[in-house]
Protein backbone atom coordinates (compact mmCIF):
# COMPACT_ATOMS: atom_id res chain seq x y z
CA UNK A 1 -0.10 -0.09 0.00
CA UNK A 2 0.98 3.53 -1.02
CA UNK A 3 0.87 4.03 3.06
CA UNK A 4 3.71 4.69 5.45
CA UNK A 5 2.98 3.62 9.05
CA UNK A 6 4.49 5.53 11.48
CA UNK A 7 5.36 3.95 14.25
CA UNK A 8 5.78 5.50 17.63
CA UNK A 9 5.03 5.22 21.43
CA UNK A 10 1.53 6.87 20.51
CA UNK A 11 0.68 4.57 17.82
CA UNK A 12 -2.61 3.27 18.71
CA UNK A 13 -4.62 6.18 19.52
CA UNK A 14 -7.80 4.73 19.86
CA UNK A 15 -9.73 7.88 22.04
CA UNK A 16 -9.08 9.56 18.61
CA UNK A 17 -12.47 7.92 17.03
CA UNK A 18 -13.76 7.07 20.43
CA UNK A 19 -13.55 3.10 20.08
CA UNK A 20 -14.17 0.73 22.20
CA UNK A 21 -11.37 -1.89 21.71
CA UNK A 22 -12.21 -4.20 24.47
CA UNK A 23 -16.53 -4.44 22.88
CA UNK A 24 -15.22 -4.31 18.90
CA UNK A 25 -12.11 -5.69 17.12
CA UNK A 26 -10.61 -2.54 15.89
CA UNK A 27 -7.44 -0.48 16.24
CA UNK A 28 -6.49 3.08 15.32
CA UNK A 29 -2.97 4.37 14.12
CA UNK A 30 -1.55 7.64 12.47
CA UNK A 31 -0.37 7.05 8.89
CA UNK A 32 0.82 8.84 6.39
CA UNK A 33 0.61 9.20 2.61
CA UNK A 34 4.10 9.16 0.75
CA UNK A 35 3.07 10.95 -1.94
CA UNK A 36 1.33 14.21 -0.26
CA UNK A 37 2.85 13.49 2.85
CA UNK A 38 -0.53 13.97 4.14
CA UNK A 39 -1.38 12.47 7.79
CA UNK A 40 -4.24 10.28 8.50
CA UNK A 41 -5.86 7.69 11.37
CA UNK A 42 -6.67 4.30 10.07
CA UNK A 43 -8.40 2.27 11.66
CA UNK A 44 -8.39 -1.20 11.13
CA UNK A 45 -10.34 -4.67 11.89
CA UNK A 46 -9.16 -7.97 12.20
CA UNK A 47 -11.58 -10.15 9.90
CA UNK A 48 -11.64 -13.59 12.04
CA UNK A 49 -12.58 -11.69 15.33
CA UNK A 50 -15.34 -9.57 13.12
CA UNK A 51 -16.33 -12.48 12.26
CA UNK A 52 -16.45 -14.32 15.65
CA UNK A 53 -18.13 -11.30 17.19
CA UNK A 54 -20.61 -10.88 14.16
CA UNK A 55 -19.74 -7.32 13.56
CA UNK A 56 -18.98 -7.85 9.54
CA UNK A 57 -22.56 -6.66 8.84
CA UNK A 58 -21.69 -3.28 11.06
CA UNK A 59 -18.54 -2.62 9.18
CA UNK A 60 -19.89 -2.56 6.27
CA UNK A 61 -22.62 -1.00 6.19
CA UNK A 62 -20.16 2.03 8.17
CA UNK A 63 -18.47 1.66 4.63
CA UNK A 64 -21.50 1.94 2.85
CA UNK A 65 -22.36 5.15 4.04
CA UNK A 66 -18.97 6.81 4.57
CA UNK A 67 -18.27 6.29 1.26
CA UNK A 68 -21.69 8.16 -0.04
CA UNK A 69 -21.14 11.17 2.32
CA UNK A 70 -18.55 13.70 2.92
CA UNK A 71 -18.66 16.84 5.73
CA UNK A 72 -16.81 19.44 6.76
CA UNK A 73 -18.30 18.42 10.18
CA UNK A 74 -17.84 15.07 9.85
CA UNK A 75 -15.03 12.77 9.76
CA UNK A 76 -14.91 11.91 6.59
CA UNK A 77 -13.52 8.60 4.71
CA UNK A 78 -10.67 9.28 2.11
CA UNK A 79 -9.95 5.60 1.61
CA UNK A 80 -10.73 1.41 2.47
CA UNK A 81 -9.05 -1.46 1.38
CA UNK A 82 -7.82 -4.78 2.99
CA UNK A 83 -5.80 -7.48 3.43
CA UNK A 84 -5.55 -11.04 4.46
CA UNK A 85 -5.94 -10.38 7.94
CA UNK A 86 -7.60 -6.69 8.39
CA UNK A 87 -10.03 -4.17 6.77
CA UNK A 88 -8.80 -0.52 6.82
CA UNK A 89 -10.18 2.56 6.94
CA UNK A 90 -8.60 5.90 6.15
CA UNK A 91 -10.01 8.81 7.58
CA UNK A 92 -9.66 12.64 8.25
CA UNK A 93 -6.72 12.70 11.64
CA UNK A 94 -8.22 15.32 14.16
CA UNK A 95 -6.03 15.66 16.83
CA UNK A 96 -7.82 17.77 19.38
CA UNK A 97 -9.89 14.82 21.08
CA UNK A 98 -13.41 14.02 21.71
CA UNK A 99 -15.43 15.74 23.78
CA UNK A 100 -15.68 13.09 26.79
CA UNK A 101 -11.88 13.16 26.97
CA UNK A 102 -12.17 16.91 27.88
CA UNK A 103 -14.74 16.14 30.43
CA UNK A 104 -12.70 13.43 32.16
CA UNK A 105 -9.98 16.29 32.00
CA UNK A 106 -12.37 18.62 33.70
CA UNK A 107 -12.18 21.26 31.11
CA UNK A 108 -15.02 23.88 31.53
CA UNK A 109 -16.74 24.55 28.28
CA UNK A 110 -18.05 28.26 28.40
CA UNK A 111 -21.36 28.92 26.80
CA UNK A 112 -20.25 30.53 23.36
CA UNK A 113 -17.75 27.44 23.01
CA UNK A 114 -20.72 24.60 23.28
CA UNK A 115 -22.76 27.36 21.53
CA UNK A 116 -20.54 26.84 18.29
CA UNK A 117 -20.38 23.34 18.71
CA UNK A 118 -24.11 23.12 18.57
CA UNK A 119 -24.31 25.22 15.28
CA UNK A 120 -21.48 22.49 13.58
CA UNK A 121 -23.42 19.89 14.80
CA UNK A 122 -26.30 21.11 13.85
CA UNK A 123 -25.42 21.49 10.25
CA UNK A 124 -23.90 18.08 10.69
CA UNK A 125 -27.12 16.03 11.41
CA UNK A 126 -29.11 18.68 8.81
CA UNK A 127 -26.51 17.38 6.15
CA UNK A 128 -27.11 13.94 7.44
CA UNK A 129 -30.84 13.96 7.74
CA UNK A 130 -30.73 15.03 3.48
CA UNK A 131 -29.11 11.83 2.88
CA UNK A 132 -31.30 9.93 4.53
CA UNK A 133 -29.15 8.42 7.36
CA UNK A 134 -30.07 8.33 10.91
CA UNK A 135 -26.23 8.50 13.09
CA UNK A 136 -28.12 6.77 16.54
CA UNK A 137 -25.09 7.55 18.50
CA UNK A 138 -24.55 11.36 18.64
CA UNK A 139 -22.55 11.66 22.52
CA UNK A 140 -18.94 13.38 23.63
CA UNK A 141 -17.19 10.66 22.66
CA UNK A 142 -18.38 10.69 19.15
CA UNK A 143 -17.60 14.07 18.47
CA UNK A 144 -13.65 14.97 17.81
CA UNK A 145 -12.58 18.09 17.84
CA UNK A 146 -9.46 19.53 15.43
CA UNK A 147 -6.86 21.76 16.07
CA UNK A 148 -8.41 24.93 15.80
CA UNK A 149 -11.35 23.21 18.34
CA UNK A 150 -14.25 22.83 15.67
CA UNK A 151 -16.53 19.77 16.20
CA UNK A 152 -16.58 17.14 13.88
CA UNK A 153 -19.06 13.74 14.21
CA UNK A 154 -17.50 10.24 14.26
CA UNK A 155 -18.93 6.61 14.83
CA UNK A 156 -21.21 5.93 12.48
CA UNK A 157 -21.27 1.62 13.05
CA UNK A 158 -24.85 1.96 14.58
CA UNK A 159 -26.48 4.00 11.84
CA UNK A 160 -28.98 2.96 9.13
CA UNK A 161 -30.49 4.83 6.30
CA UNK A 162 -34.34 5.36 5.52
CA UNK A 163 -36.19 6.40 2.85
CA UNK A 164 -39.66 7.26 1.71
CA UNK A 165 -41.21 7.40 5.18
CA UNK A 166 -39.41 4.74 6.62
CA UNK A 167 -38.76 4.17 10.86
CA UNK A 168 -36.19 2.88 12.31
CA UNK A 169 -37.01 0.15 14.61
CA UNK A 170 -34.04 -1.15 16.11
CA UNK A 171 -32.93 -0.44 19.90
CA UNK A 172 -29.49 1.11 18.80
CA UNK A 173 -27.37 3.31 20.22
CA UNK A 174 -26.06 4.35 23.70
CA UNK A 175 -28.77 4.11 26.32
CA UNK A 176 -27.70 7.58 28.33
CA UNK A 177 -28.36 9.38 25.20
CA UNK A 178 -31.35 7.19 23.32
CA UNK A 179 -34.75 9.49 22.55
CA UNK A 180 -37.71 7.96 24.60
CA UNK A 181 -39.25 6.82 21.13
CA UNK A 182 -36.66 3.90 20.43
CA UNK A 183 -37.47 2.85 23.46
CA UNK A 184 -41.21 3.28 23.24
CA UNK A 185 -40.69 1.28 19.80
CA UNK A 186 -38.63 -1.65 21.64
CA UNK A 187 -41.52 -1.67 23.83
CA UNK A 188 -44.56 -1.65 21.54
CA UNK A 189 -43.56 -3.29 18.86
CA UNK A 190 -43.18 -1.62 15.48
CA UNK A 191 -43.96 2.27 15.88
CA UNK A 192 -40.67 3.28 14.74
CA UNK A 193 -38.79 6.11 14.89
CA UNK A 194 -36.95 8.87 12.44
CA UNK A 195 -34.16 11.56 12.34
CA UNK A 196 -35.71 13.06 15.74
CA UNK A 197 -33.54 11.04 17.85
CA UNK A 198 -30.58 12.75 17.04
CA UNK A 199 -31.77 16.00 18.34
CA UNK A 200 -32.05 14.54 21.05
CA UNK A 201 -28.72 12.96 21.51
CA UNK A 202 -27.55 16.09 20.63
CA UNK A 203 -29.42 18.48 23.17
CA UNK A 204 -28.38 15.37 25.83
CA UNK A 205 -24.97 16.12 24.80
CA UNK A 206 -24.89 19.68 24.79
CA UNK A 207 -26.78 19.95 28.44
CA UNK A 208 -23.52 17.28 29.76
CA UNK A 209 -20.76 19.79 27.86
CA UNK A 210 -22.83 22.71 29.55
CA UNK A 211 -22.96 21.15 33.39
CA UNK A 212 -20.96 18.20 33.17
CA UNK A 213 -23.94 15.64 33.90
CA UNK A 214 -26.52 14.48 31.97
CA UNK A 215 -30.36 15.80 32.40
CA UNK A 216 -31.63 12.65 33.23
CA UNK A 217 -29.73 9.75 35.32
CA UNK A 218 -29.79 6.74 32.86
CA UNK A 219 -27.75 4.00 33.53
CA UNK A 220 -26.85 0.60 31.56
CA UNK A 221 -28.82 -1.41 33.80
CA UNK A 222 -32.13 0.53 33.84
CA UNK A 223 -34.94 -1.12 32.10
CA UNK A 224 -36.55 -0.20 28.95
CA UNK A 225 -39.76 -0.04 31.18
CA UNK A 226 -38.15 1.68 33.50
CA UNK A 227 -37.13 4.56 30.89
CA UNK A 228 -40.13 4.93 29.95
CA UNK A 229 -41.69 6.06 33.62
CA UNK A 230 -38.23 8.31 33.62
CA UNK A 231 -39.23 10.15 30.90
CA UNK A 232 -42.70 10.63 31.80
CA UNK A 233 -42.62 11.62 35.72
CA UNK A 234 -39.00 13.53 36.00
CA UNK A 235 -38.25 17.07 34.99
CA UNK A 236 -35.02 18.23 33.43
CA UNK A 237 -33.18 20.76 35.77
CA UNK A 238 -31.76 23.61 33.57
CA UNK A 239 -29.01 25.97 35.32
CA UNK A 240 -30.75 29.18 36.77
CA UNK A 241 -27.58 31.04 35.36
CA UNK A 242 -28.15 30.18 32.03
CA UNK A 243 -29.92 32.31 29.30
CA UNK A 244 -33.82 32.00 28.63
CA UNK A 245 -33.57 31.66 25.02
CA UNK A 246 -30.65 28.65 25.73
CA UNK A 247 -33.27 27.01 27.93
CA UNK A 248 -36.28 27.06 25.91
CA UNK A 249 -33.59 25.95 22.97
CA UNK A 250 -32.87 23.16 25.16
CA UNK A 251 -36.60 22.67 26.10
CA UNK A 252 -37.32 22.34 22.56
CA UNK A 253 -34.42 19.49 22.21
CA UNK A 254 -35.65 17.32 25.25
CA UNK A 255 -38.94 17.24 24.16
CA UNK A 256 -40.35 13.40 24.55
CA UNK A 257 -42.95 13.70 21.72
CA UNK A 258 -40.86 13.31 18.89
CA UNK A 259 -43.41 15.81 17.13
CA UNK A 260 -42.70 19.11 19.10
CA UNK A 261 -38.78 18.41 18.88
CA UNK A 262 -36.92 20.49 17.12
CA UNK A 263 -35.29 18.20 14.50
CA UNK A 264 -34.18 20.57 11.52
CA UNK A 265 -32.07 23.19 10.72
CA UNK A 266 -34.66 25.95 9.98
CA UNK A 267 -36.32 24.72 13.28
CA UNK A 268 -32.88 25.80 15.11
CA UNK A 269 -32.12 28.66 12.56
CA UNK A 270 -35.56 30.26 14.43
CA UNK A 271 -34.30 29.43 18.07
CA UNK A 272 -33.97 33.12 19.54
CA UNK A 273 -30.73 31.84 21.13
CA UNK A 274 -29.16 31.33 17.34
CA UNK A 275 -30.94 34.54 16.23
CA UNK A 276 -27.41 36.26 16.03
CA UNK A 277 -25.51 33.63 14.09
CA UNK A 278 -23.66 33.75 10.81
CA UNK A 279 -24.45 30.13 9.35
CA UNK A 280 -22.54 30.62 6.60
CA UNK A 281 -19.67 31.42 8.89
CA UNK A 282 -19.75 28.54 10.69
CA UNK A 283 -19.75 26.42 8.11
CA UNK A 284 -16.45 28.01 6.65
CA UNK A 285 -14.74 27.63 9.94
CA UNK A 286 -14.93 31.43 10.35
CA UNK A 287 -15.83 31.37 14.26
CA UNK A 288 -13.01 31.36 16.34
CA UNK A 289 -13.44 28.50 18.54
CA UNK A 290 -14.29 29.18 22.06
CA UNK A 291 -11.82 26.32 23.15
CA UNK A 292 -8.57 25.53 21.61
CA UNK A 293 -6.94 22.23 22.47
CA UNK A 294 -3.46 22.32 23.58
CA UNK A 295 -0.91 21.73 20.37
CA UNK A 296 1.33 20.39 22.35
CA UNK A 297 0.16 17.67 24.12
CA UNK A 298 -1.63 14.21 23.21
CA UNK A 299 -5.42 14.15 24.10
CA UNK A 300 -6.30 10.93 24.62
CA UNK A 301 -5.39 8.62 28.11
CA UNK A 302 -1.31 7.38 27.72
CA UNK A 303 -1.76 4.53 30.09
CA UNK A 304 -4.63 2.94 28.02
CA UNK A 305 -2.97 3.74 24.46
CA UNK A 306 1.02 2.65 26.15
CA UNK A 307 -1.22 -0.78 27.48
CA UNK A 308 -2.79 -1.49 23.85
CA UNK A 309 0.57 -0.83 22.48
CA UNK A 310 2.29 -3.78 24.91
CA UNK A 311 -0.26 -6.03 24.57
CA UNK A 312 -0.88 -5.72 20.64
CA UNK A 313 -0.73 -9.38 19.27
CA UNK A 314 -0.28 -8.42 15.70
CA UNK A 315 1.56 -5.03 15.08
CA UNK A 316 1.55 -3.73 11.98
CA UNK A 317 4.74 -2.91 11.26
CA UNK A 318 5.67 -7.05 11.34
CA UNK A 319 2.54 -7.89 9.19
CA UNK A 320 4.24 -8.89 5.82
CA UNK A 321 6.70 -11.51 7.94
CA UNK A 322 3.35 -12.96 9.79
CA UNK A 323 1.03 -12.89 6.26
CA UNK A 324 4.06 -14.80 4.61
CA UNK A 325 4.76 -17.69 7.63
CA UNK A 326 0.60 -17.88 7.91
CA UNK A 327 0.80 -19.06 3.92
CA UNK A 328 3.46 -21.12 4.84
CA UNK A 329 1.43 -22.57 7.60
CA UNK A 330 -1.80 -23.16 5.80
CA UNK A 331 -0.13 -24.97 2.77
CA UNK A 332 1.21 -27.55 5.05
CA UNK A 333 -1.50 -28.36 7.09
CA UNK A 334 -4.62 -30.35 6.65
CA UNK A 335 -8.21 -28.45 6.74
CA UNK A 336 -10.88 -29.17 9.52
CA UNK A 337 -14.58 -28.58 9.43
CA UNK A 338 -14.17 -25.43 11.56
CA UNK A 339 -11.38 -24.20 9.58
CA UNK A 340 -13.34 -25.06 6.54
CA UNK A 341 -16.35 -22.69 7.52
CA UNK A 342 -14.04 -20.03 9.06
CA UNK A 343 -12.20 -19.56 5.76
CA UNK A 344 -15.35 -19.84 3.73
CA UNK A 345 -16.30 -16.57 5.90
CA UNK A 346 -13.25 -14.79 5.16
CA UNK A 347 -13.40 -15.25 1.48
CA UNK A 348 -17.26 -13.49 1.51
CA UNK A 349 -15.38 -10.87 3.39
CA UNK A 350 -12.65 -10.72 -0.03
CA UNK A 351 -15.55 -10.53 -1.90
CA UNK A 352 -18.14 -7.91 -0.78
CA UNK A 353 -15.68 -5.57 1.01
CA UNK A 354 -15.59 -2.41 -0.47
CA UNK A 355 -12.47 -0.87 -1.85
CA UNK A 356 -12.56 2.90 -2.18
CA UNK A 357 -10.80 6.05 -3.09
CA UNK A 358 -12.18 9.26 -2.45
CA UNK A 359 -9.10 11.00 -4.32
CA UNK A 360 -10.28 8.74 -7.71
CA UNK A 361 -13.41 9.70 -7.25
CA UNK A 362 -12.71 14.12 -7.28
CA UNK A 363 -10.29 13.22 -10.26
CA UNK A 364 -12.84 11.60 -12.27
CA UNK A 365 -15.01 14.31 -11.93
CA UNK A 366 -12.13 16.83 -13.10
CA UNK A 367 -11.82 18.24 -9.44
CA UNK A 368 -9.65 17.72 -6.39
CA UNK A 369 -10.75 18.34 -2.83
CA UNK A 370 -9.61 21.21 -0.75
CA UNK A 371 -7.79 19.46 1.38
CA UNK A 372 -5.88 18.07 -1.26
CA UNK A 373 -5.38 20.70 -3.46
CA UNK A 374 -3.71 22.77 -0.55
CA UNK A 375 -0.93 20.19 -0.11
CA UNK A 376 0.11 18.74 -3.92
CA UNK A 377 -1.51 19.38 -7.24
CA UNK A 378 -0.59 15.88 -8.65
CA UNK A 379 -1.81 13.33 -6.31
CA UNK A 380 -2.34 9.83 -6.97
CA UNK A 381 -4.46 6.81 -4.54
CA UNK A 382 -3.62 4.22 -2.70
CA UNK A 383 -1.88 1.32 -4.83
CA UNK A 384 -3.50 -1.97 -4.50
């Protein structure tokens, strides 16, 4: 591959993309493309582990979605490719850390900083809604900051596409951020939900970033029935020091009935709290962020990253020798039924995996994205 792997003590920057390696067979490292010298984050997933954990469908769904979308406030996919062991996704590199990390570091986000995040995520959700996509996992962990402090939405692992009045019905997301109608759909068996769930999650996220805790006390152990009762009986306590317009907007995002909830760009633009916003300036990142991450430090947990590096059993810089040894071993041993089944699954993954090169898409149209054109006038894709 026409990619240089940068092996450093901070190779496994898992928090850059807000992943949970204990729950999902995924690692992240920083890579550099040789011809442009542009830096990216590269997610790689072990095929065998994905098959064993029944995660292949989620990986393919995320790839399918990411290949069709691109937005200034998303973490965009640039390339996807594979080898015998792993599936690779090369995406925008954002070094400012996620909002969860900064909350854990006791960063106090002022109102202006959070207001900008709210506007940037509003534009991201408006774009996704126009693409018929429900993200279903809006939360501080999945909002990454660039080095200038602007917010980008990541992790489409549980996203779904709905068209022509369809409704989603799956119980998907992170429980404390899931909208009431998701639980209601699960209980009632088929009522369904749509794009409004992402705006509820955005409201919960904004509330948490401003106050340091969520509007509802929800834990993973809570039953769906208890949550339905919680939403119908507990009132959200807003900070008495917040401006009235901010409280009004938060109430509209955290409205239990999705039919009355703010759930579109036009809704947000009519809110008095956002009446002074120049939305074109937000889109062009011309509004200075209220919080700028320190460029002199790595914005993730170094003890977690170092532990991942020590425990990594399949380091990328030893992949070439390892694959050659595996091919030799497979050729010399007798196949067993279990190995036959695994091999069959691996072959299916190999044949159905979606290879992608965003640069080539731009070349086919005779244009280049700004991020590429600014660096090099002549860029080539990844050689496979």
